[in-house]
Amino acid sequence: DAYSAAEEAYSYARRGYNAGDIDDLQHYARRAYNAADDAMSYADECGCDDAYSSADEAYTQARRAYNEDELDSAEDYIRRAMSYAEDAMSAAEN
């Protein structure tokens, strides 16, 4: 469901944020954006617009983190992805 997928995206984004090196961060960022994509699909199925929007933002930020080569910038993106994934979880709960 949308909540579980968003929770998975949050978990991977958090691991990426705490990774400490760019390769590990990118590994978790890829997993986070895939989970956020799943959350978008589930949210779309249930008509949960707020959850969809937040999952979409989480996807975008995680994807940016994955494509970023500088650790500091990637950490900023993955932190944002984590926040949006958390928002998607809250929206999916309601």
PDB file of N, CA and C in Angstrom:
ATOM      1  N   ASP A   1       0.831  -1.196   0.000  1.00  0.00           N
ATOM      2  CA  ASP A   1       0.000   0.000   0.000  1.00  0.00           C
ATOM      3  C   ASP A   1       0.874   1.258   0.000  1.00  0.00           C
ATOM      4  N   ALA A   2       0.245   2.402  -0.143  1.00  0.00           N
ATOM      5  CA  ALA A   2       0.988   3.667  -0.260  1.00  0.00           C
ATOM      6  C   ALA A   2       1.805   3.957   0.997  1.00  0.00           C
ATOM      7  N   TYR A   3       1.226   3.684   2.156  1.00  0.00           N
ATOM      8  CA  TYR A   3       1.940   3.955   3.408  1.00  0.00           C
ATOM      9  C   TYR A   3       3.217   3.114   3.498  1.00  0.00           C
ATOM     10  N   SER A   4       3.099   1.820   3.241  1.00  0.00           N
ATOM     11  CA  SER A   4       4.258   0.925   3.350  1.00  0.00           C
ATOM     12  C   SER A   4       5.364   1.288   2.364  1.00  0.00           C
ATOM     13  N   ALA A   5       4.977   1.628   1.148  1.00  0.00           N
ATOM     14  CA  ALA A   5       5.970   2.008   0.142  1.00  0.00           C
ATOM     15  C   ALA A   5       6.649   3.324   0.524  1.00  0.00           C
ATOM     16  N   ALA A   6       5.867   4.277   1.048  1.00  0.00           N
ATOM     17  CA  ALA A   6       6.447   5.548   1.492  1.00  0.00           C
ATOM     18  C   ALA A   6       7.373   5.323   2.686  1.00  0.00           C
ATOM     19  N   GLU A   7       6.978   4.420   3.573  1.00  0.00           N
ATOM     20  CA  GLU A   7       7.813   4.085   4.723  1.00  0.00           C
ATOM     21  C   GLU A   7       9.135   3.464   4.273  1.00  0.00           C
ATOM     22  N   GLU A   8       9.068   2.624   3.248  1.00  0.00           N
ATOM     23  CA  GLU A   8      10.276   2.021   2.674  1.00  0.00           C
ATOM     24  C   GLU A   8      11.165   3.101   2.055  1.00  0.00           C
ATOM     25  N   ALA A   9      10.562   4.039   1.335  1.00  0.00           N
ATOM     26  CA  ALA A   9      11.321   5.146   0.744  1.00  0.00           C
ATOM     27  C   ALA A   9      12.003   5.958   1.838  1.00  0.00           C
ATOM     28  N   TYR A  10      11.270   6.227   2.915  1.00  0.00           N
ATOM     29  CA  TYR A  10      11.837   6.969   4.053  1.00  0.00           C
ATOM     30  C   TYR A  10      13.028   6.219   4.644  1.00  0.00           C
ATOM     31  N   SER A  11      12.860   4.928   4.840  1.00  0.00           N
ATOM     32  CA  SER A  11      13.916   4.104   5.440  1.00  0.00           C
ATOM     33  C   SER A  11      15.183   4.116   4.584  1.00  0.00           C
ATOM     34  N   TYR A  12      15.025   3.952   3.278  1.00  0.00           N
ATOM     35  CA  TYR A  12      16.189   3.964   2.389  1.00  0.00           C
ATOM     36  C   TYR A  12      16.826   5.344   2.323  1.00  0.00           C
ATOM     37  N   ALA A  13      16.002   6.387   2.294  1.00  0.00           N
ATOM     38  CA  ALA A  13      16.546   7.750   2.267  1.00  0.00           C
ATOM     39  C   ALA A  13      17.332   8.023   3.555  1.00  0.00           C
ATOM     40  N   ARG A  14      16.808   7.569   4.663  1.00  0.00           N
ATOM     41  CA  ARG A  14      17.492   7.770   5.945  1.00  0.00           C
ATOM     42  C   ARG A  14      18.840   7.038   5.962  1.00  0.00           C
ATOM     43  N   ARG A  15      18.841   5.808   5.458  1.00  0.00           N
ATOM     44  CA  ARG A  15      20.109   5.063   5.371  1.00  0.00           C
ATOM     45  C   ARG A  15      21.102   5.801   4.478  1.00  0.00           C
ATOM     46  N   GLY A  16      20.592   6.335   3.374  1.00  0.00           N
ATOM     47  CA  GLY A  16      21.459   7.094   2.471  1.00  0.00           C
ATOM     48  C   GLY A  16      22.019   8.328   3.137  1.00  0.00           C
ATOM     49  N   TYR A  17      21.165   9.027   3.865  1.00  0.00           N
ATOM     50  CA  TYR A  17      21.596  10.245   4.550  1.00  0.00           C
ATOM     51  C   TYR A  17      22.691   9.952   5.573  1.00  0.00           C
ATOM     52  N   ASN A  18      22.600   8.798   6.208  1.00  0.00           N
ATOM     53  CA  ASN A  18      23.575   8.414   7.228  1.00  0.00           C
ATOM     54  C   ASN A  18      24.760   7.629   6.671  1.00  0.00           C
ATOM     55  N   ALA A  19      24.809   7.438   5.359  1.00  0.00           N
ATOM     56  CA  ALA A  19      25.820   6.575   4.750  1.00  0.00           C
ATOM     57  C   ALA A  19      27.252   7.081   4.937  1.00  0.00           C
ATOM     58  N   GLY A  20      27.463   8.378   4.731  1.00  0.00           N
ATOM     59  CA  GLY A  20      28.797   8.930   4.919  1.00  0.00           C
ATOM     60  C   GLY A  20      29.701   8.897   3.706  1.00  0.00           C
ATOM     61  N   ASP A  21      29.336   8.161   2.664  1.00  0.00           N
ATOM     62  CA  ASP A  21      30.107   8.237   1.421  1.00  0.00           C
ATOM     63  C   ASP A  21      29.156   8.187   0.227  1.00  0.00           C
ATOM     64  N   ILE A  22      29.607   8.749  -0.864  1.00  0.00           N
ATOM     65  CA  ILE A  22      28.736   8.970  -2.016  1.00  0.00           C
ATOM     66  C   ILE A  22      28.234   7.667  -2.633  1.00  0.00           C
ATOM     67  N   ASP A  23      29.064   6.634  -2.683  1.00  0.00           N
ATOM     68  CA  ASP A  23      28.634   5.375  -3.307  1.00  0.00           C
ATOM     69  C   ASP A  23      27.493   4.735  -2.537  1.00  0.00           C
ATOM     70  N   ASP A  24      27.615   4.675  -1.219  1.00  0.00           N
ATOM     71  CA  ASP A  24      26.553   4.095  -0.404  1.00  0.00           C
ATOM     72  C   ASP A  24      25.295   4.962  -0.462  1.00  0.00           C
ATOM     73  N   LEU A  25      25.478   6.279  -0.418  1.00  0.00           N
ATOM     74  CA  LEU A  25      24.334   7.178  -0.497  1.00  0.00           C
ATOM     75  C   LEU A  25      23.580   6.949  -1.803  1.00  0.00           C
ATOM     76  N   GLN A  26      24.298   6.849  -2.909  1.00  0.00           N
ATOM     77  CA  GLN A  26      23.643   6.642  -4.201  1.00  0.00           C
ATOM     78  C   GLN A  26      22.926   5.293  -4.261  1.00  0.00           C
ATOM     79  N   HIS A  27      23.508   4.280  -3.638  1.00  0.00           N
ATOM     80  CA  HIS A  27      22.866   2.957  -3.580  1.00  0.00           C
ATOM     81  C   HIS A  27      21.500   3.071  -2.901  1.00  0.00           C
ATOM     82  N   TYR A  28      21.468   3.717  -1.744  1.00  0.00           N
ATOM     83  CA  TYR A  28      20.212   3.865  -1.014  1.00  0.00           C
ATOM     84  C   TYR A  28      19.268   4.850  -1.691  1.00  0.00           C
ATOM     85  N   ALA A  29      19.814   5.868  -2.339  1.00  0.00           N
ATOM     86  CA  ALA A  29      18.975   6.825  -3.072  1.00  0.00           C
ATOM     87  C   ALA A  29      18.212   6.110  -4.190  1.00  0.00           C
ATOM     88  N   ARG A  30      18.880   5.187  -4.880  1.00  0.00           N
ATOM     89  CA  ARG A  30      18.211   4.428  -5.943  1.00  0.00           C
ATOM     90  C   ARG A  30      17.063   3.604  -5.363  1.00  0.00           C
ATOM     91  N   ARG A  31      17.318   2.965  -4.241  1.00  0.00           N
ATOM     92  CA  ARG A  31      16.259   2.184  -3.598  1.00  0.00           C
ATOM     93  C   ARG A  31      15.122   3.082  -3.122  1.00  0.00           C
ATOM     94  N   ALA A  32      15.491   4.264  -2.616  1.00  0.00           N
ATOM     95  CA  ALA A  32      14.476   5.207  -2.136  1.00  0.00           C
ATOM     96  C   ALA A  32      13.596   5.689  -3.279  1.00  0.00           C
ATOM     97  N   TYR A  33      14.196   6.014  -4.434  1.00  0.00           N
ATOM     98  CA  TYR A  33      13.347   6.512  -5.516  1.00  0.00           C
ATOM     99  C   TYR A  33      12.489   5.415  -6.118  1.00  0.00           C
ATOM    100  N   ASN A  34      12.975   4.174  -6.094  1.00  0.00           N
ATOM    101  CA  ASN A  34      12.125   3.070  -6.551  1.00  0.00           C
ATOM    102  C   ASN A  34      10.938   2.863  -5.611  1.00  0.00           C
ATOM    103  N   ALA A  35      11.186   2.935  -4.300  1.00  0.00           N
ATOM    104  CA  ALA A  35      10.107   2.791  -3.329  1.00  0.00           C
ATOM    105  C   ALA A  35       9.120   3.963  -3.432  1.00  0.00           C
ATOM    106  N   ALA A  36       9.634   5.172  -3.651  1.00  0.00           N
ATOM    107  CA  ALA A  36       8.761   6.337  -3.814  1.00  0.00           C
ATOM    108  C   ALA A  36       7.899   6.185  -5.062  1.00  0.00           C
ATOM    109  N   ASP A  37       8.466   5.615  -6.107  1.00  0.00           N
ATOM    110  CA  ASP A  37       7.703   5.357  -7.327  1.00  0.00           C
ATOM    111  C   ASP A  37       6.561   4.384  -7.040  1.00  0.00           C
ATOM    112  N   ASP A  38       6.850   3.347  -6.245  1.00  0.00           N
ATOM    113  CA  ASP A  38       5.800   2.406  -5.832  1.00  0.00           C
ATOM    114  C   ASP A  38       4.723   3.131  -5.030  1.00  0.00           C
ATOM    115  N   ALA A  39       5.140   4.003  -4.121  1.00  0.00           N
ATOM    116  CA  ALA A  39       4.186   4.765  -3.312  1.00  0.00           C
ATOM    117  C   ALA A  39       3.293   5.634  -4.198  1.00  0.00           C
ATOM    118  N   MET A  40       3.870   6.218  -5.243  1.00  0.00           N
ATOM    119  CA  MET A  40       3.085   7.020  -6.182  1.00  0.00           C
ATOM    120  C   MET A  40       2.008   6.154  -6.854  1.00  0.00           C
ATOM    121  N   SER A  41       2.395   4.954  -7.256  1.00  0.00           N
ATOM    122  CA  SER A  41       1.436   4.056  -7.920  1.00  0.00           C
ATOM    123  C   SER A  41       0.286   3.687  -6.988  1.00  0.00           C
ATOM    124  N   TYR A  42       0.631   3.316  -5.759  1.00  0.00           N
ATOM    125  CA  TYR A  42      -0.405   2.952  -4.791  1.00  0.00           C
ATOM    126  C   TYR A  42      -1.297   4.148  -4.465  1.00  0.00           C
ATOM    127  N   ALA A  43      -0.697   5.311  -4.289  1.00  0.00           N
ATOM    128  CA  ALA A  43      -1.464   6.514  -3.965  1.00  0.00           C
ATOM    129  C   ALA A  43      -2.391   6.885  -5.121  1.00  0.00           C
ATOM    130  N   ASP A  44      -1.924   6.679  -6.341  1.00  0.00           N
ATOM    131  CA  ASP A  44      -2.744   6.960  -7.509  1.00  0.00           C
ATOM    132  C   ASP A  44      -3.953   6.038  -7.555  1.00  0.00           C
ATOM    133  N   GLU A  45      -3.738   4.765  -7.212  1.00  0.00           N
ATOM    134  CA  GLU A  45      -4.821   3.775  -7.220  1.00  0.00           C
ATOM    135  C   GLU A  45      -5.928   4.130  -6.231  1.00  0.00           C
ATOM    136  N   CYS A  46      -5.542   4.661  -5.077  1.00  0.00           N
ATOM    137  CA  CYS A  46      -6.549   4.964  -4.050  1.00  0.00           C
ATOM    138  C   CYS A  46      -7.043   6.404  -4.135  1.00  0.00           C
ATOM    139  N   GLY A  47      -6.516   7.178  -5.068  1.00  0.00           N
ATOM    140  CA  GLY A  47      -6.943   8.560  -5.206  1.00  0.00           C
ATOM    141  C   GLY A  47      -6.446   9.454  -4.085  1.00  0.00           C
ATOM    142  N   CYS A  48      -5.337   9.072  -3.485  1.00  0.00           N
ATOM    143  CA  CYS A  48      -4.753   9.836  -2.375  1.00  0.00           C
ATOM    144  C   CYS A  48      -3.817  10.905  -2.946  1.00  0.00           C
ATOM    145  N   ASP A  49      -4.385  12.051  -3.293  1.00  0.00           N
ATOM    146  CA  ASP A  49      -3.634  13.093  -3.992  1.00  0.00           C
ATOM    147  C   ASP A  49      -2.454  13.635  -3.183  1.00  0.00           C
ATOM    148  N   ASP A  50      -2.659  13.864  -1.893  1.00  0.00           N
ATOM    149  CA  ASP A  50      -1.579  14.414  -1.071  1.00  0.00           C
ATOM    150  C   ASP A  50      -0.434  13.421  -0.934  1.00  0.00           C
ATOM    151  N   ALA A  51      -0.776  12.149  -0.751  1.00  0.00           N
ATOM    152  CA  ALA A  51       0.259  11.113  -0.649  1.00  0.00           C
ATOM    153  C   ALA A  51       1.011  11.000  -1.974  1.00  0.00           C
ATOM    154  N   TYR A  52       0.274  11.086  -3.082  1.00  0.00           N
ATOM    155  CA  TYR A  52       0.902  11.012  -4.399  1.00  0.00           C
ATOM    156  C   TYR A  52       1.883  12.168  -4.594  1.00  0.00           C
ATOM    157  N   SER A  53       1.437  13.364  -4.272  1.00  0.00           N
ATOM    158  CA  SER A  53       2.268  14.548  -4.457  1.00  0.00           C
ATOM    159  C   SER A  53       3.552  14.470  -3.626  1.00  0.00           C
ATOM    160  N   SER A  54       3.434  14.055  -2.387  1.00  0.00           N
ATOM    161  CA  SER A  54       4.612  13.942  -1.516  1.00  0.00           C
ATOM    162  C   SER A  54       5.544  12.820  -1.996  1.00  0.00           C
ATOM    163  N   ALA A  55       4.968  11.712  -2.423  1.00  0.00           N
ATOM    164  CA  ALA A  55       5.781  10.606  -2.941  1.00  0.00           C
ATOM    165  C   ALA A  55       6.507  11.038  -4.218  1.00  0.00           C
ATOM    166  N   ASP A  56       5.830  11.825  -5.041  1.00  0.00           N
ATOM    167  CA  ASP A  56       6.434  12.344  -6.267  1.00  0.00           C
ATOM    168  C   ASP A  56       7.640  13.224  -5.938  1.00  0.00           C
ATOM    169  N   GLU A  57       7.491  14.087  -4.935  1.00  0.00           N
ATOM    170  CA  GLU A  57       8.606  14.934  -4.507  1.00  0.00           C
ATOM    171  C   GLU A  57       9.744  14.085  -3.926  1.00  0.00           C
ATOM    172  N   ALA A  58       9.395  13.066  -3.148  1.00  0.00           N
ATOM    173  CA  ALA A  58      10.418  12.171  -2.589  1.00  0.00           C
ATOM    174  C   ALA A  58      11.189  11.492  -3.721  1.00  0.00           C
ATOM    175  N   TYR A  59      10.451  11.042  -4.739  1.00  0.00           N
ATOM    176  CA  TYR A  59      11.072  10.421  -5.906  1.00  0.00           C
ATOM    177  C   TYR A  59      12.050  11.385  -6.577  1.00  0.00           C
ATOM    178  N   THR A  60      11.600  12.605  -6.816  1.00  0.00           N
ATOM    179  CA  THR A  60      12.424  13.613  -7.493  1.00  0.00           C
ATOM    180  C   THR A  60      13.705  13.901  -6.713  1.00  0.00           C
ATOM    181  N   GLN A  61      13.572  14.100  -5.411  1.00  0.00           N
ATOM    182  CA  GLN A  61      14.743  14.426  -4.592  1.00  0.00           C
ATOM    183  C   GLN A  61      15.695  13.241  -4.479  1.00  0.00           C
ATOM    184  N   ALA A  62      15.178  12.039  -4.333  1.00  0.00           N
ATOM    185  CA  ALA A  62      16.036  10.851  -4.256  1.00  0.00           C
ATOM    186  C   ALA A  62      16.760  10.633  -5.584  1.00  0.00           C
ATOM    187  N   ARG A  63      16.060  10.884  -6.671  1.00  0.00           N
ATOM    188  CA  ARG A  63      16.670  10.752  -8.000  1.00  0.00           C
ATOM    189  C   ARG A  63      17.799  11.780  -8.169  1.00  0.00           C
ATOM    190  N   ARG A  64      17.583  12.989  -7.690  1.00  0.00           N
ATOM    191  CA  ARG A  64      18.638  14.006  -7.741  1.00  0.00           C
ATOM    192  C   ARG A  64      19.840  13.578  -6.907  1.00  0.00           C
ATOM    193  N   ALA A  65      19.580  13.008  -5.741  1.00  0.00           N
ATOM    194  CA  ALA A  65      20.677  12.525  -4.891  1.00  0.00           C
ATOM    195  C   ALA A  65      21.459  11.432  -5.612  1.00  0.00           C
ATOM    196  N   TYR A  66      20.742  10.544  -6.272  1.00  0.00           N
ATOM    197  CA  TYR A  66      21.382   9.448  -7.003  1.00  0.00           C
ATOM    198  C   TYR A  66      22.283   9.980  -8.118  1.00  0.00           C
ATOM    199  N   ASN A  67      21.858  11.039  -8.780  1.00  0.00           N
ATOM    200  CA  ASN A  67      22.606  11.596  -9.912  1.00  0.00           C
ATOM    201  C   ASN A  67      23.674  12.607  -9.509  1.00  0.00           C
ATOM    202  N   GLU A  68      23.760  12.909  -8.236  1.00  0.00           N
ATOM    203  CA  GLU A  68      24.708  13.907  -7.731  1.00  0.00           C
ATOM    204  C   GLU A  68      26.031  13.235  -7.349  1.00  0.00           C
ATOM    205  N   ASP A  69      27.139  13.854  -7.747  1.00  0.00           N
ATOM    206  CA  ASP A  69      28.460  13.295  -7.450  1.00  0.00           C
ATOM    207  C   ASP A  69      29.120  13.906  -6.218  1.00  0.00           C
ATOM    208  N   GLU A  70      28.608  15.047  -5.769  1.00  0.00           N
ATOM    209  CA  GLU A  70      29.165  15.700  -4.583  1.00  0.00           C
ATOM    210  C   GLU A  70      28.388  15.261  -3.350  1.00  0.00           C
ATOM    211  N   LEU A  71      29.093  14.756  -2.347  1.00  0.00           N
ATOM    212  CA  LEU A  71      28.446  14.211  -1.156  1.00  0.00           C
ATOM    213  C   LEU A  71      27.548  15.236  -0.462  1.00  0.00           C
ATOM    214  N   ASP A  72      28.047  16.464  -0.267  1.00  0.00           N
ATOM    215  CA  ASP A  72      27.254  17.477   0.445  1.00  0.00           C
ATOM    216  C   ASP A  72      25.923  17.752  -0.256  1.00  0.00           C
ATOM    217  N   SER A  73      25.977  17.901  -1.559  1.00  0.00           N
ATOM    218  CA  SER A  73      24.748  18.165  -2.320  1.00  0.00           C
ATOM    219  C   SER A  73      23.822  16.954  -2.293  1.00  0.00           C
ATOM    220  N   ALA A  74      24.387  15.775  -2.443  1.00  0.00           N
ATOM    221  CA  ALA A  74      23.585  14.552  -2.411  1.00  0.00           C
ATOM    222  C   ALA A  74      22.903  14.391  -1.056  1.00  0.00           C
ATOM    223  N   GLU A  75      23.604  14.748   0.009  1.00  0.00           N
ATOM    224  CA  GLU A  75      23.002  14.667   1.344  1.00  0.00           C
ATOM    225  C   GLU A  75      21.826  15.628   1.480  1.00  0.00           C
ATOM    226  N   ASP A  76      21.946  16.807   0.891  1.00  0.00           N
ATOM    227  CA  ASP A  76      20.821  17.754   0.907  1.00  0.00           C
ATOM    228  C   ASP A  76      19.606  17.164   0.194  1.00  0.00           C
ATOM    229  N   TYR A  77      19.834  16.584  -0.981  1.00  0.00           N
ATOM    230  CA  TYR A  77      18.733  15.996  -1.745  1.00  0.00           C
ATOM    231  C   TYR A  77      18.106  14.818  -1.010  1.00  0.00           C
ATOM    232  N   ILE A  78      18.931  13.949  -0.461  1.00  0.00           N
ATOM    233  CA  ILE A  78      18.394  12.751   0.184  1.00  0.00           C
ATOM    234  C   ILE A  78      17.666  13.125   1.483  1.00  0.00           C
ATOM    235  N   ARG A  79      18.129  14.191   2.147  1.00  0.00           N
ATOM    236  CA  ARG A  79      17.425  14.671   3.339  1.00  0.00           C
ATOM    237  C   ARG A  79      16.031  15.163   2.953  1.00  0.00           C
ATOM    238  N   ARG A  80      15.949  15.872   1.836  1.00  0.00           N
ATOM    239  CA  ARG A  80      14.649  16.335   1.349  1.00  0.00           C
ATOM    240  C   ARG A  80      13.756  15.152   0.980  1.00  0.00           C
ATOM    241  N   ALA A  81      14.349  14.150   0.339  1.00  0.00           N
ATOM    242  CA  ALA A  81      13.584  12.949  -0.026  1.00  0.00           C
ATOM    243  C   ALA A  81      13.016  12.288   1.226  1.00  0.00           C
ATOM    244  N   MET A  82      13.822  12.233   2.270  1.00  0.00           N
ATOM    245  CA  MET A  82      13.389  11.644   3.533  1.00  0.00           C
ATOM    246  C   MET A  82      12.181  12.415   4.080  1.00  0.00           C
ATOM    247  N   SER A  83      12.264  13.727   4.043  1.00  0.00           N
ATOM    248  CA  SER A  83      11.178  14.567   4.549  1.00  0.00           C
ATOM    249  C   SER A  83       9.893  14.369   3.740  1.00  0.00           C
ATOM    250  N   TYR A  84      10.017  14.361   2.421  1.00  0.00           N
ATOM    251  CA  TYR A  84       8.836  14.162   1.579  1.00  0.00           C
ATOM    252  C   TYR A  84       8.252  12.764   1.747  1.00  0.00           C
ATOM    253  N   ALA A  85       9.097  11.769   1.925  1.00  0.00           N
ATOM    254  CA  ALA A  85       8.603  10.403   2.149  1.00  0.00           C
ATOM    255  C   ALA A  85       7.818  10.342   3.463  1.00  0.00           C
ATOM    256  N   GLU A  86       8.305  11.056   4.454  1.00  0.00           N
ATOM    257  CA  GLU A  86       7.598  11.123   5.737  1.00  0.00           C
ATOM    258  C   GLU A  86       6.232  11.810   5.551  1.00  0.00           C
ATOM    259  N   ASP A  87       6.208  12.870   4.744  1.00  0.00           N
ATOM    260  CA  ASP A  87       4.946  13.544   4.429  1.00  0.00           C
ATOM    261  C   ASP A  87       3.982  12.600   3.716  1.00  0.00           C
ATOM    262  N   ALA A  88       4.519  11.790   2.805  1.00  0.00           N
ATOM    263  CA  ALA A  88       3.686  10.823   2.081  1.00  0.00           C
ATOM    264  C   ALA A  88       3.097   9.792   3.037  1.00  0.00           C
ATOM    265  N   MET A  89       3.911   9.376   4.020  1.00  0.00           N
ATOM    266  CA  MET A  89       3.410   8.434   5.026  1.00  0.00           C
ATOM    267  C   MET A  89       2.243   9.050   5.792  1.00  0.00           C
ATOM    268  N   SER A  90       2.400  10.282   6.217  1.00  0.00           N
ATOM    269  CA  SER A  90       1.339  10.968   6.968  1.00  0.00           C
ATOM    270  C   SER A  90       0.074  11.105   6.128  1.00  0.00           C
ATOM    271  N   ALA A  91       0.244  11.483   4.880  1.00  0.00           N
ATOM    272  CA  ALA A  91      -0.911  11.660   3.993  1.00  0.00           C
ATOM    273  C   ALA A  91      -1.601  10.331   3.709  1.00  0.00           C
ATOM    274  N   ALA A  92      -0.825   9.266   3.574  1.00  0.00           N
ATOM    275  CA  ALA A  92      -1.389   7.953   3.270  1.00  0.00           C
ATOM    276  C   ALA A  92      -2.151   7.371   4.465  1.00  0.00           C
ATOM    277  N   GLU A  93      -1.763   7.801   5.651  1.00  0.00           N
ATOM    278  CA  GLU A  93      -2.442   7.350   6.865  1.00  0.00           C
ATOM    279  C   GLU A  93      -3.869   7.878   6.942  1.00  0.00           C
ATOM    280  N   ASN A  94      -4.065   9.053   6.379  1.00  0.00           N
ATOM    281  CA  ASN A  94      -5.367   9.734   6.525  1.00  0.00           C
ATOM    282  C   ASN A  94      -6.354   9.409   5.447  1.00  0.00           C
TER     283      ASN A  94
END
